[in-house]
C-alpha atoms as a PDB file:
ATOM      1  CA  MET A   1      93.882 126.000  89.372  1.00  0.00           C
ATOM      2  CA  TYR A   2      95.201 123.365  91.734  1.00  0.00           C
ATOM      3  CA  ASN A   3      95.014 123.296  95.512  1.00  0.00           C
ATOM      4  CA  TYR A   4      98.652 124.044  96.259  1.00  0.00           C
ATOM      5  CA  LEU A   5     100.517 122.627  99.240  1.00  0.00           C
ATOM      6  CA  ASP A   6     102.663 124.914 101.382  1.00  0.00           C
ATOM      7  CA  PHE A   7     105.941 123.764  99.854  1.00  0.00           C
ATOM      8  CA  GLU A   8     104.569 124.326  96.342  1.00  0.00           C
ATOM      9  CA  LYS A   9     104.407 128.137  96.731  1.00  0.00           C
ATOM     10  CA  PRO A  10     107.110 128.843  94.075  1.00  0.00           C
ATOM     11  CA  VAL A  11     105.097 126.834  91.549  1.00  0.00           C
ATOM     12  CA  ALA A  12     101.832 128.426  92.662  1.00  0.00           C
ATOM     13  CA  ASP A  13     103.271 131.930  92.088  1.00  0.00           C
ATOM     14  CA  LEU A  14     104.472 131.060  88.579  1.00  0.00           C
ATOM     15  CA  GLU A  15     101.255 129.311  87.561  1.00  0.00           C
ATOM     16  CA  GLY A  16      99.268 132.240  88.972  1.00  0.00           C
ATOM     17  CA  LYS A  17     101.194 134.629  86.698  1.00  0.00           C
ATOM     18  CA  ILE A  18     100.576 132.334  83.720  1.00  0.00           C
ATOM     19  CA  LEU A  19      96.843 132.352  84.424  1.00  0.00           C
ATOM     20  CA  GLU A  20      96.801 136.149  84.714  1.00  0.00           C
ATOM     21  CA  LEU A  21      98.570 136.559  81.380  1.00  0.00           C
ATOM     22  CA  LYS A  22      96.188 134.167  79.648  1.00  0.00           C
ATOM     23  CA  LYS A  23      93.178 136.040  81.021  1.00  0.00           C
ATOM     24  CA  LEU A  24      94.628 139.363  79.829  1.00  0.00           C
ATOM     25  CA  SER A  25      95.192 137.882  76.393  1.00  0.00           C
ATOM     26  CA  GLU A  26      91.648 136.514  76.206  1.00  0.00           C
ATOM     27  CA  ALA A  27      90.280 139.926  77.228  1.00  0.00           C
ATOM     28  CA  GLY A  28      92.312 141.638  74.502  1.00  0.00           C
ATOM     29  CA  GLU A  29      94.310 143.694  77.005  1.00  0.00           C
ATOM     30  CA  ALA A  30      97.677 142.263  76.020  1.00  0.00           C
ATOM     31  CA  VAL A  31      99.195 142.306  72.560  1.00  0.00           C
ATOM     32  CA  ASP A  32     101.220 139.079  72.600  1.00  0.00           C
ATOM     33  CA  VAL A  33     101.948 137.082  75.712  1.00  0.00           C
ATOM     34  CA  ASN A  34     102.739 133.727  74.115  1.00  0.00           C
ATOM     35  CA  ASP A  35     106.502 133.984  74.520  1.00  0.00           C
ATOM     36  CA  GLU A  36     106.190 135.029  78.163  1.00  0.00           C
ATOM     37  CA  VAL A  37     103.686 132.244  78.872  1.00  0.00           C
ATOM     38  CA  VAL A  38     106.002 129.648  77.319  1.00  0.00           C
ATOM     39  CA  ARG A  39     108.923 130.980  79.374  1.00  0.00           C
ATOM     40  CA  LEU A  40     106.911 130.901  82.610  1.00  0.00           C
ATOM     41  CA  GLU A  41     105.553 127.421  81.875  1.00  0.00           C
ATOM     42  CA  LYS A  42     109.087 126.117  81.485  1.00  0.00           C
ATOM     43  CA  ARG A  43     110.125 127.765  84.753  1.00  0.00           C
ATOM     44  CA  SER A  44     107.074 126.295  86.460  1.00  0.00           C
ATOM     45  CA  LYS A  45     107.791 122.781  85.193  1.00  0.00           C
ATOM     46  CA  ASP A  46     111.467 123.038  86.181  1.00  0.00           C
ATOM     47  CA  ALA A  47     110.458 124.243  89.661  1.00  0.00           C
ATOM     48  CA  LEU A  48     108.021 121.339  89.992  1.00  0.00           C
ATOM     49  CA  ILE A  49     110.696 118.847  88.930  1.00  0.00           C
ATOM     50  CA  ASP A  50     113.153 120.283  91.468  1.00  0.00           C
ATOM     51  CA  LEU A  51     110.577 120.106  94.262  1.00  0.00           C
ATOM     52  CA  TYR A  52     109.326 116.582  93.557  1.00  0.00           C
ATOM     53  CA  LYS A  53     112.699 114.940  93.036  1.00  0.00           C
ATOM     54  CA  ALA A  54     113.657 115.796  96.616  1.00  0.00           C
ATOM     55  CA  LEU A  55     110.460 115.539  98.658  1.00  0.00           C
ATOM     56  CA  THR A  56     110.895 114.942 102.376  1.00  0.00           C
ATOM     57  CA  PRO A  57     108.811 112.232 104.069  1.00  0.00           C
ATOM     58  CA  TRP A  58     106.579 114.917 105.600  1.00  0.00           C
ATOM     59  CA  GLN A  59     106.032 116.528 102.202  1.00  0.00           C
ATOM     60  CA  LYS A  60     105.124 113.108 100.782  1.00  0.00           C
ATOM     61  CA  ALA A  61     102.587 112.739 103.593  1.00  0.00           C
ATOM     62  CA  GLN A  62     101.042 116.034 102.501  1.00  0.00           C
ATOM     63  CA  VAL A  63     100.880 114.880  98.869  1.00  0.00           C
ATOM     64  CA  ALA A  64      99.327 111.549  99.951  1.00  0.00           C
ATOM     65  CA  ARG A  65      96.600 113.523 101.767  1.00  0.00           C
ATOM     66  CA  HIS A  66      96.004 116.019  98.959  1.00  0.00           C
ATOM     67  CA  PRO A  67      92.246 116.719  98.726  1.00  0.00           C
ATOM     68  CA  ASP A  68      92.261 116.384  94.925  1.00  0.00           C
ATOM     69  CA  ARG A  69      94.080 113.053  94.874  1.00  0.00           C
ATOM     70  CA  PRO A  70      92.008 110.306  93.188  1.00  0.00           C
ATOM     71  CA  HIS A  71      90.227 108.135  95.729  1.00  0.00           C
ATOM     72  CA  CYS A  72      88.816 104.612  95.655  1.00  0.00           C
ATOM     73  CA  LEU A  73      85.580 105.445  93.815  1.00  0.00           C
ATOM     74  CA  ASP A  74      87.570 107.280  91.130  1.00  0.00           C
ATOM     75  CA  TYR A  75      89.513 104.058  90.495  1.00  0.00           C
ATOM     76  CA  VAL A  76      86.313 102.007  90.564  1.00  0.00           C
ATOM     77  CA  LYS A  77      84.732 104.263  87.931  1.00  0.00           C
ATOM     78  CA  GLU A  78      87.709 104.140  85.550  1.00  0.00           C
ATOM     79  CA  LEU A  79      89.142 100.636  86.004  1.00  0.00           C
ATOM     80  CA  PHE A  80      86.208  98.351  86.734  1.00  0.00           C
ATOM     81  CA  THR A  81      82.993  97.436  84.971  1.00  0.00           C
ATOM     82  CA  ASP A  82      79.777  95.802  86.191  1.00  0.00           C
ATOM     83  CA  PHE A  83      80.575  96.864  89.750  1.00  0.00           C
ATOM     84  CA  THR A  84      77.979  95.470  92.132  1.00  0.00           C
ATOM     85  CA  PRO A  85      78.444  96.895  95.636  1.00  0.00           C
ATOM     86  CA  MET A  86      77.785  94.878  98.757  1.00  0.00           C
ATOM     87  CA  ALA A  87      76.395  96.600 101.853  1.00  0.00           C
ATOM     88  CA  GLY A  88      76.245  95.723 105.519  1.00  0.00           C
ATOM     89  CA  ASP A  89      77.926  93.254 107.824  1.00  0.00           C
ATOM     90  CA  ARG A  90      74.732  91.302 108.703  1.00  0.00           C
ATOM     91  CA  SER A  91      75.360  92.167 112.318  1.00  0.00           C
ATOM     92  CA  PHE A  92      75.160  95.902 112.975  1.00  0.00           C
ATOM     93  CA  GLY A  93      74.881  97.979 109.810  1.00  0.00           C
ATOM     94  CA  GLU A  94      76.525  99.546 106.791  1.00  0.00           C
ATOM     95  CA  ASP A  95      79.865 101.390 106.796  1.00  0.00           C
ATOM     96  CA  HIS A  96      80.414 103.743 103.860  1.00  0.00           C
ATOM     97  CA  ALA A  97      84.118 104.120 104.667  1.00  0.00           C
ATOM     98  CA  VAL A  98      84.718 100.677 103.131  1.00  0.00           C
ATOM     99  CA  ILE A  99      83.671 100.107  99.528  1.00  0.00           C
ATOM    100  CA  GLY A 100      83.205  96.447  98.683  1.00  0.00           C
ATOM    101  CA  GLY A 101      81.649  94.353  95.985  1.00  0.00           C
ATOM    102  CA  PHE A 102      82.156  92.340  92.831  1.00  0.00           C
ATOM    103  CA  ALA A 103      83.183  93.655  89.433  1.00  0.00           C
ATOM    104  CA  ARG A 104      85.038  92.886  86.227  1.00  0.00           C
ATOM    105  CA  PHE A 105      88.592  94.063  85.765  1.00  0.00           C
ATOM    106  CA  ARG A 106      89.604  93.984  82.099  1.00  0.00           C
ATOM    107  CA  GLY A 107      87.086  91.223  81.520  1.00  0.00           C
ATOM    108  CA  GLN A 108      88.002  89.133  84.579  1.00  0.00           C
ATOM    109  CA  ALA A 109      85.582  88.650  87.470  1.00  0.00           C
ATOM    110  CA  ILE A 110      87.099  89.905  90.730  1.00  0.00           C
ATOM    111  CA  ALA A 111      86.231  90.932  94.283  1.00  0.00           C
ATOM    112  CA  LEU A 112      87.030  94.529  95.194  1.00  0.00           C
ATOM    113  CA  LEU A 113      87.643  96.279  98.508  1.00  0.00           C
ATOM    114  CA  GLY A 114      88.788  99.811  99.252  1.00  0.00           C
ATOM    115  CA  HIS A 115      88.661 102.769 101.615  1.00  0.00           C
ATOM    116  CA  GLU A 116      86.787 105.825 100.391  1.00  0.00           C
ATOM    117  CA  LYS A 117      87.537 109.264 101.895  1.00  0.00           C
ATOM    118  CA  GLY A 118      85.112 111.376  99.866  1.00  0.00           C
ATOM    119  CA  ASN A 119      85.893 114.479  97.819  1.00  0.00           C
ATOM    120  CA  ASP A 120      83.769 117.248  99.358  1.00  0.00           C
ATOM    121  CA  THR A 121      82.295 118.036 102.760  1.00  0.00           C
ATOM    122  CA  LYS A 122      79.101 116.030 102.235  1.00  0.00           C
ATOM    123  CA  SER A 123      80.803 112.912 100.866  1.00  0.00           C
ATOM    124  CA  ARG A 124      83.624 113.077 103.432  1.00  0.00           C
ATOM    125  CA  LEU A 125      81.091 113.043 106.238  1.00  0.00           C
ATOM    126  CA  LYS A 126      79.197 110.182 104.573  1.00  0.00           C
ATOM    127  CA  HIS A 127      82.379 108.111 104.209  1.00  0.00           C
ATOM    128  CA  ASN A 128      83.732 109.192 107.619  1.00  0.00           C
ATOM    129  CA  PHE A 129      86.934 110.434 105.938  1.00  0.00           C
ATOM    130  CA  GLY A 130      87.856 106.849 105.058  1.00  0.00           C
ATOM    131  CA  MET A 131      88.070 105.742 108.699  1.00  0.00           C
ATOM    132  CA  ALA A 132      86.231 102.437 108.971  1.00  0.00           C
ATOM    133  CA  LYS A 133      84.282 101.145 111.957  1.00  0.00           C
ATOM    134  CA  PRO A 134      84.006  97.458 112.957  1.00  0.00           C
ATOM    135  CA  GLU A 135      81.064  96.903 110.611  1.00  0.00           C
ATOM    136  CA  GLY A 136      83.273  98.025 107.713  1.00  0.00           C
ATOM    137  CA  TYR A 137      85.856  95.350 108.461  1.00  0.00           C
ATOM    138  CA  ARG A 138      83.159  92.727 109.071  1.00  0.00           C
ATOM    139  CA  LYS A 139      81.724  93.604 105.666  1.00  0.00           C
ATOM    140  CA  ALA A 140      85.232  93.110 104.249  1.00  0.00           C
ATOM    141  CA  VAL A 141      85.428  89.659 105.877  1.00  0.00           C
ATOM    142  CA  ARG A 142      82.034  88.781 104.436  1.00  0.00           C
ATOM    143  CA  LEU A 143      83.183  89.756 100.936  1.00  0.00           C
ATOM    144  CA  MET A 144      86.489  87.880 101.250  1.00  0.00           C
ATOM    145  CA  GLU A 145      84.691  84.725 102.323  1.00  0.00           C
ATOM    146  CA  LEU A 146      82.480  84.975  99.229  1.00  0.00           C
ATOM    147  CA  ALA A 147      85.515  85.602  97.013  1.00  0.00           C
ATOM    148  CA  ASP A 148      87.150  82.516  98.483  1.00  0.00           C
ATOM    149  CA  ARG A 149      84.027  80.421  97.909  1.00  0.00           C
ATOM    150  CA  PHE A 150      83.856  81.370  94.233  1.00  0.00           C
ATOM    151  CA  GLY A 151      87.618  81.456  93.607  1.00  0.00           C
ATOM    152  CA  LEU A 152      87.728  85.152  92.688  1.00  0.00           C
ATOM    153  CA  PRO A 153      90.934  87.221  92.862  1.00  0.00           C
ATOM    154  CA  LEU A 154      90.815  90.058  95.397  1.00  0.00           C
ATOM    155  CA  ILE A 155      91.914  93.622  94.608  1.00  0.00           C
ATOM    156  CA  THR A 156      92.140  96.148  97.453  1.00  0.00           C
ATOM    157  CA  LEU A 157      92.711  99.907  97.307  1.00  0.00           C
ATOM    158  CA  VAL A 158      94.024 101.283 100.586  1.00  0.00           C
ATOM    159  CA  ASP A 159      93.539 104.916 101.568  1.00  0.00           C
ATOM    160  CA  THR A 160      92.863 105.590 105.237  1.00  0.00           C
ATOM    161  CA  ALA A 161      94.397 107.547 108.084  1.00  0.00           C
ATOM    162  CA  GLY A 162      93.447 104.572 110.261  1.00  0.00           C
ATOM    163  CA  ALA A 163      90.435 102.793 111.702  1.00  0.00           C
ATOM    164  CA  TYR A 164      87.873 105.025 113.427  1.00  0.00           C
ATOM    165  CA  PRO A 165      88.844 105.394 117.121  1.00  0.00           C
ATOM    166  CA  GLY A 166      85.433 106.472 118.470  1.00  0.00           C
ATOM    167  CA  ILE A 167      83.821 105.055 121.594  1.00  0.00           C
ATOM    168  CA  GLY A 168      81.047 103.297 119.665  1.00  0.00           C
ATOM    169  CA  ALA A 169      83.565 101.603 117.399  1.00  0.00           C
ATOM    170  CA  GLU A 170      85.563 100.370 120.383  1.00  0.00           C
ATOM    171  CA  GLU A 171      82.397  99.113 122.089  1.00  0.00           C
ATOM    172  CA  ARG A 172      81.515  97.098 118.977  1.00  0.00           C
ATOM    173  CA  GLY A 173      84.939  95.412 118.885  1.00  0.00           C
ATOM    174  CA  GLN A 174      87.145  97.469 116.598  1.00  0.00           C
ATOM    175  CA  ALA A 175      90.364  95.574 117.366  1.00  0.00           C
ATOM    176  CA  GLU A 176      88.694  92.170 116.977  1.00  0.00           C
ATOM    177  CA  ALA A 177      87.143  93.188 113.642  1.00  0.00           C
ATOM    178  CA  ILE A 178      90.522  94.377 112.308  1.00  0.00           C
ATOM    179  CA  ALA A 179      92.177  91.137 113.441  1.00  0.00           C
ATOM    180  CA  ARG A 180      89.526  88.985 111.749  1.00  0.00           C
ATOM    181  CA  SER A 181      89.810  90.995 108.537  1.00  0.00           C
ATOM    182  CA  THR A 182      93.594  90.573 108.549  1.00  0.00           C
ATOM    183  CA  SER A 183      93.154  86.849 109.155  1.00  0.00           C
ATOM    184  CA  ALA A 184      90.663  86.619 106.278  1.00  0.00           C
ATOM    185  CA  CYS A 185      93.220  88.268 103.962  1.00  0.00           C
ATOM    186  CA  LEU A 186      95.825  85.699 104.973  1.00  0.00           C
ATOM    187  CA  SER A 187      93.414  82.790 104.550  1.00  0.00           C
ATOM    188  CA  LEU A 188      92.350  83.524 100.959  1.00  0.00           C
ATOM    189  CA  LYS A 189      93.022  80.647  98.575  1.00  0.00           C
ATOM    190  CA  SER A 190      92.726  82.934  95.539  1.00  0.00           C
ATOM    191  CA  PRO A 191      95.351  85.539  94.509  1.00  0.00           C
ATOM    192  CA  SER A 192      95.219  89.024  96.000  1.00  0.00           C
ATOM    193  CA  VAL A 193      96.703  92.389  94.996  1.00  0.00           C
ATOM    194  CA  SER A 194      96.731  95.490  97.164  1.00  0.00           C
ATOM    195  CA  VAL A 195      97.624  99.085  96.247  1.00  0.00           C
ATOM    196  CA  ILE A 196      98.205 101.899  98.740  1.00  0.00           C
ATOM    197  CA  ILE A 197      96.800 104.797  96.721  1.00  0.00           C
ATOM    198  CA  GLY A 198      97.092 107.493  99.404  1.00  0.00           C
ATOM    199  CA  GLU A 199      97.488 106.881 103.124  1.00  0.00           C
ATOM    200  CA  GLY A 200      98.017 103.434 104.575  1.00  0.00           C
ATOM    201  CA  GLY A 201      97.426 104.076 108.257  1.00  0.00           C
ATOM    202  CA  SER A 202      97.911 101.497 110.996  1.00  0.00           C
ATOM    203  CA  GLY A 203      95.687  98.441 111.478  1.00  0.00           C
ATOM    204  CA  GLY A 204      92.952 100.172 109.532  1.00  0.00           C
ATOM    205  CA  ALA A 205      95.087  99.737 106.416  1.00  0.00           C
ATOM    206  CA  ILE A 206      96.701  96.360 107.056  1.00  0.00           C
ATOM    207  CA  ALA A 207      93.246  94.824 107.624  1.00  0.00           C
ATOM    208  CA  ILE A 208      92.717  94.763 103.842  1.00  0.00           C
ATOM    209  CA  ALA A 209      96.337  95.064 102.648  1.00  0.00           C
ATOM    210  CA  VAL A 210      97.700  91.588 103.443  1.00  0.00           C
ATOM    211  CA  ALA A 211      98.067  90.504  99.823  1.00  0.00           C
ATOM    212  CA  ASN A 212     100.286  88.390  97.582  1.00  0.00           C
ATOM    213  CA  LYS A 213     101.405  91.583  95.844  1.00  0.00           C
ATOM    214  CA  VAL A 214     101.497  94.948  97.628  1.00  0.00           C
ATOM    215  CA  HIS A 215     102.147  98.106  95.622  1.00  0.00           C
ATOM    216  CA  MET A 216     102.368 101.786  96.540  1.00  0.00           C
ATOM    217  CA  LEU A 217     101.909 104.904  94.500  1.00  0.00           C
ATOM    218  CA  GLU A 218     105.129 106.928  94.446  1.00  0.00           C
ATOM    219  CA  HIS A 219     103.961 109.627  96.860  1.00  0.00           C
ATOM    220  CA  SER A 220     101.707 107.535  99.093  1.00  0.00           C
ATOM    221  CA  ILE A 221     102.622 106.662 102.694  1.00  0.00           C
ATOM    222  CA  TYR A 222     102.256 103.499 104.792  1.00  0.00           C
ATOM    223  CA  SER A 223     102.821 103.490 108.531  1.00  0.00           C
ATOM    224  CA  VAL A 224     101.951 101.894 111.848  1.00  0.00           C
ATOM    225  CA  ILE A 225     100.665 105.257 113.118  1.00  0.00           C
ATOM    226  CA  SER A 226     100.276 108.751 111.712  1.00  0.00           C
ATOM    227  CA  PRO A 227     103.275 111.099 112.039  1.00  0.00           C
ATOM    228  CA  GLU A 228     101.156 113.344 114.286  1.00  0.00           C
ATOM    229  CA  GLY A 229     100.234 110.399 116.504  1.00  0.00           C
ATOM    230  CA  ALA A 230     103.834 109.233 116.755  1.00  0.00           C
ATOM    231  CA  ALA A 231     105.007 112.750 117.660  1.00  0.00           C
ATOM    232  CA  SER A 232     102.338 112.976 120.377  1.00  0.00           C
ATOM    233  CA  ILE A 233     103.503 109.690 121.910  1.00  0.00           C
ATOM    234  CA  LEU A 234     107.268 110.142 121.553  1.00  0.00           C
ATOM    235  CA  TRP A 235     107.621 113.841 122.339  1.00  0.00           C
ATOM    236  CA  ARG A 236     104.151 114.819 123.587  1.00  0.00           C
ATOM    237  CA  ASP A 237     104.234 117.411 120.829  1.00  0.00           C
ATOM    238  CA  PRO A 238     102.171 116.816 117.646  1.00  0.00           C
ATOM    239  CA  THR A 239     103.911 119.767 115.973  1.00  0.00           C
ATOM    240  CA  ARG A 240     106.969 117.526 115.627  1.00  0.00           C
ATOM    241  CA  ALA A 241     105.140 115.393 113.050  1.00  0.00           C
ATOM    242  CA  LYS A 242     107.792 116.334 110.497  1.00  0.00           C
ATOM    243  CA  ASP A 243     110.503 114.735 112.671  1.00  0.00           C
ATOM    244  CA  ALA A 244     108.360 111.650 113.227  1.00  0.00           C
ATOM    245  CA  ALA A 245     107.696 111.232 109.499  1.00  0.00           C
ATOM    246  CA  THR A 246     111.430 111.335 108.779  1.00  0.00           C
ATOM    247  CA  ASN A 247     112.240 108.674 111.368  1.00  0.00           C
ATOM    248  CA  MET A 248     109.321 106.317 110.736  1.00  0.00           C
ATOM    249  CA  LYS A 249     110.275 105.225 107.184  1.00  0.00           C
ATOM    250  CA  ILE A 250     106.786 105.826 105.811  1.00  0.00           C
ATOM    251  CA  THR A 251     107.584 106.465 102.150  1.00  0.00           C
ATOM    252  CA  ALA A 252     107.237 104.015  99.277  1.00  0.00           C
ATOM    253  CA  GLN A 253     110.989 104.222  98.662  1.00  0.00           C
ATOM    254  CA  ASP A 254     111.808 103.287 102.270  1.00  0.00           C
ATOM    255  CA  LEU A 255     109.277 100.462 102.326  1.00  0.00           C
ATOM    256  CA  LEU A 256     110.542  98.994  99.073  1.00  0.00           C
ATOM    257  CA  ASP A 257     114.048  98.902 100.578  1.00  0.00           C
ATOM    258  CA  LEU A 258     112.623  97.188 103.670  1.00  0.00           C
ATOM    259  CA  LYS A 259     110.770  94.673 101.424  1.00  0.00           C
ATOM    260  CA  VAL A 260     107.401  95.587 102.927  1.00  0.00           C
ATOM    261  CA  ILE A 261     106.051  96.310  99.438  1.00  0.00           C
ATOM    262  CA  ASP A 262     106.754  94.832  96.009  1.00  0.00           C
ATOM    263  CA  THR A 263     106.546  97.759  93.582  1.00  0.00           C
ATOM    264  CA  ILE A 264     106.420 101.544  93.433  1.00  0.00           C
ATOM    265  CA  ILE A 265     103.962 102.923  90.877  1.00  0.00           C
ATOM    266  CA  PRO A 266     105.344 106.206  89.426  1.00  0.00           C
ATOM    267  CA  GLU A 267     103.028 109.204  89.661  1.00  0.00           C
ATOM    268  CA  PRO A 268     102.634 112.061  87.179  1.00  0.00           C
ATOM    269  CA  LEU A 269     104.897 115.046  87.832  1.00  0.00           C
ATOM    270  CA  GLY A 270     103.447 116.953  90.776  1.00  0.00           C
ATOM    271  CA  GLY A 271     101.462 114.023  92.155  1.00  0.00           C
ATOM    272  CA  ALA A 272      98.527 111.850  91.086  1.00  0.00           C
ATOM    273  CA  HIS A 273      96.100 114.774  91.410  1.00  0.00           C
ATOM    274  CA  ARG A 274      97.778 116.636  88.512  1.00  0.00           C
ATOM    275  CA  ASP A 275      96.915 113.894  86.021  1.00  0.00           C
ATOM    276  CA  ARG A 276      94.327 111.679  87.618  1.00  0.00           C
ATOM    277  CA  ALA A 277      93.551 109.703  84.456  1.00  0.00           C
ATOM    278  CA  LYS A 278      97.193 108.702  83.935  1.00  0.00           C
ATOM    279  CA  ALA A 279      97.699 107.796  87.600  1.00  0.00           C
ATOM    280  CA  ILE A 280      94.629 105.557  87.560  1.00  0.00           C
ATOM    281  CA  ARG A 281      95.527 103.995  84.216  1.00  0.00           C
ATOM    282  CA  ASP A 282      99.097 103.209  85.333  1.00  0.00           C
ATOM    283  CA  THR A 283      97.793 101.681  88.546  1.00  0.00           C
ATOM    284  CA  GLY A 284      95.454  99.474  86.520  1.00  0.00           C
ATOM    285  CA  ASP A 285      98.363  98.279  84.385  1.00  0.00           C
ATOM    286  CA  VAL A 286     100.340  97.244  87.483  1.00  0.00           C
ATOM    287  CA  ILE A 287      97.346  95.415  88.950  1.00  0.00           C
ATOM    288  CA  ALA A 288      96.819  93.565  85.650  1.00  0.00           C
ATOM    289  CA  ARG A 289     100.471  92.493  85.470  1.00  0.00           C
ATOM    290  CA  SER A 290     100.386  91.288  89.064  1.00  0.00           C
ATOM    291  CA  LEU A 291      97.281  89.183  88.526  1.00  0.00           C
ATOM    292  CA  ASP A 292      98.780  87.672  85.374  1.00  0.00           C
ATOM    293  CA  GLU A 293     102.043  86.839  87.176  1.00  0.00           C
ATOM    294  CA  LEU A 294     100.256  85.299  90.148  1.00  0.00           C
ATOM    295  CA  THR A 295      97.917  83.241  87.970  1.00  0.00           C
ATOM    296  CA  ALA A 296     100.792  81.999  85.797  1.00  0.00           C
ATOM    297  CA  SER A 297     102.908  81.081  88.845  1.00  0.00           C
ATOM    298  CA  GLY A 298     100.555  78.316  89.920  1.00  0.00           C
ATOM    299  CA  ALA A 299     101.573  79.009  93.516  1.00  0.00           C
ATOM    300  CA  ASP A 300      99.756  78.113  96.694  1.00  0.00           C
ATOM    301  CA  PHE A 301      98.597  81.685  97.248  1.00  0.00           C
ATOM    302  CA  ARG A 302      97.842  81.236 100.932  1.00  0.00           C
ATOM    303  CA  GLU A 303     101.283  79.759 101.634  1.00  0.00           C
ATOM    304  CA  GLN A 304     103.045  82.373  99.471  1.00  0.00           C
ATOM    305  CA  ARG A 305     101.257  85.160 101.334  1.00  0.00           C
ATOM    306  CA  ARG A 306     102.137  83.636 104.692  1.00  0.00           C
ATOM    307  CA  GLU A 307     105.822  83.342 103.822  1.00  0.00           C
ATOM    308  CA  LYS A 308     105.888  86.840 102.356  1.00  0.00           C
ATOM    309  CA  PHE A 309     104.707  88.466 105.569  1.00  0.00           C
ATOM    310  CA  LEU A 310     106.714  86.228 107.897  1.00  0.00           C
ATOM    311  CA  ALA A 311     109.842  87.248 105.978  1.00  0.00           C
ATOM    312  CA  ILE A 312     109.358  90.959 106.693  1.00  0.00           C
ATOM    313  CA  GLY A 313     112.005  92.058 109.177  1.00  0.00           C
ATOM    314  CA  ARG A 314     114.014  88.828 109.025  1.00  0.00           C
ATOM    315  CA  THR A 315     117.748  89.400 109.057  1.00  0.00           C
ATOM    316  CA  LEU A 316     118.869  85.783 108.640  1.00  0.00           C
END
């Protein structure tokens, strides 16, 4: 059974009935339920199609935050080989919210960065729910400098509600660390590809998402602040997060129109969590195509990246 979101209740009811019928059949308490199961499965799929073809921005935010959605380490396990993690910023300590290291992607040596949220209580606490502290971004800078030295492409997987806003993080220079990480992204001489796989929240996301190619999964979100945070500032009422999400243009579709991103990666029906293997595989295919295109272009990657981001918001 899936963890169902509030708006998925019609699907949850139908799939619950299907499960009950299958259990009755297995226990020998029902004569023949196959026809009814087939009928209910069709109704369930049709209901899911109807729901997901008209998701509101707030509903997309809920899908992007789904607890079963594949996270950075899931992608690392399936897409990369010979992954060698790098730890610490050589200044303060290690930050498990940022995963970084070197690996091979379909035979090619690359540098890899990503936010990791964790998938249960223990791992979420270890990874601080994907909210990085200054040492996480300084580790990212350290890795990018090494990638630049050895001419390795950089792949980043973005999934964070934002940088950690705690007192200790602020005392250790959170804003400065984010700025230096963003600058390091812009300064890379090698090609870079970034994918927003869940949430892309504020400076915590952009610090590793300034890439030559930026992609988003279909139901991921990317914003300057969370809908709850925006509602608290604009209306002093975090319960109006739904209104904020609608007005902030946080969806992949909106951001493609605004030319903030390059490509939308389609998700399996019902979200990436319903077919994790396919979602990860499709993401890998897009990353591979992007690296091939960038390598074949022979472009000055630093200049191309600079022009790409300066062009965002231009009307002339």
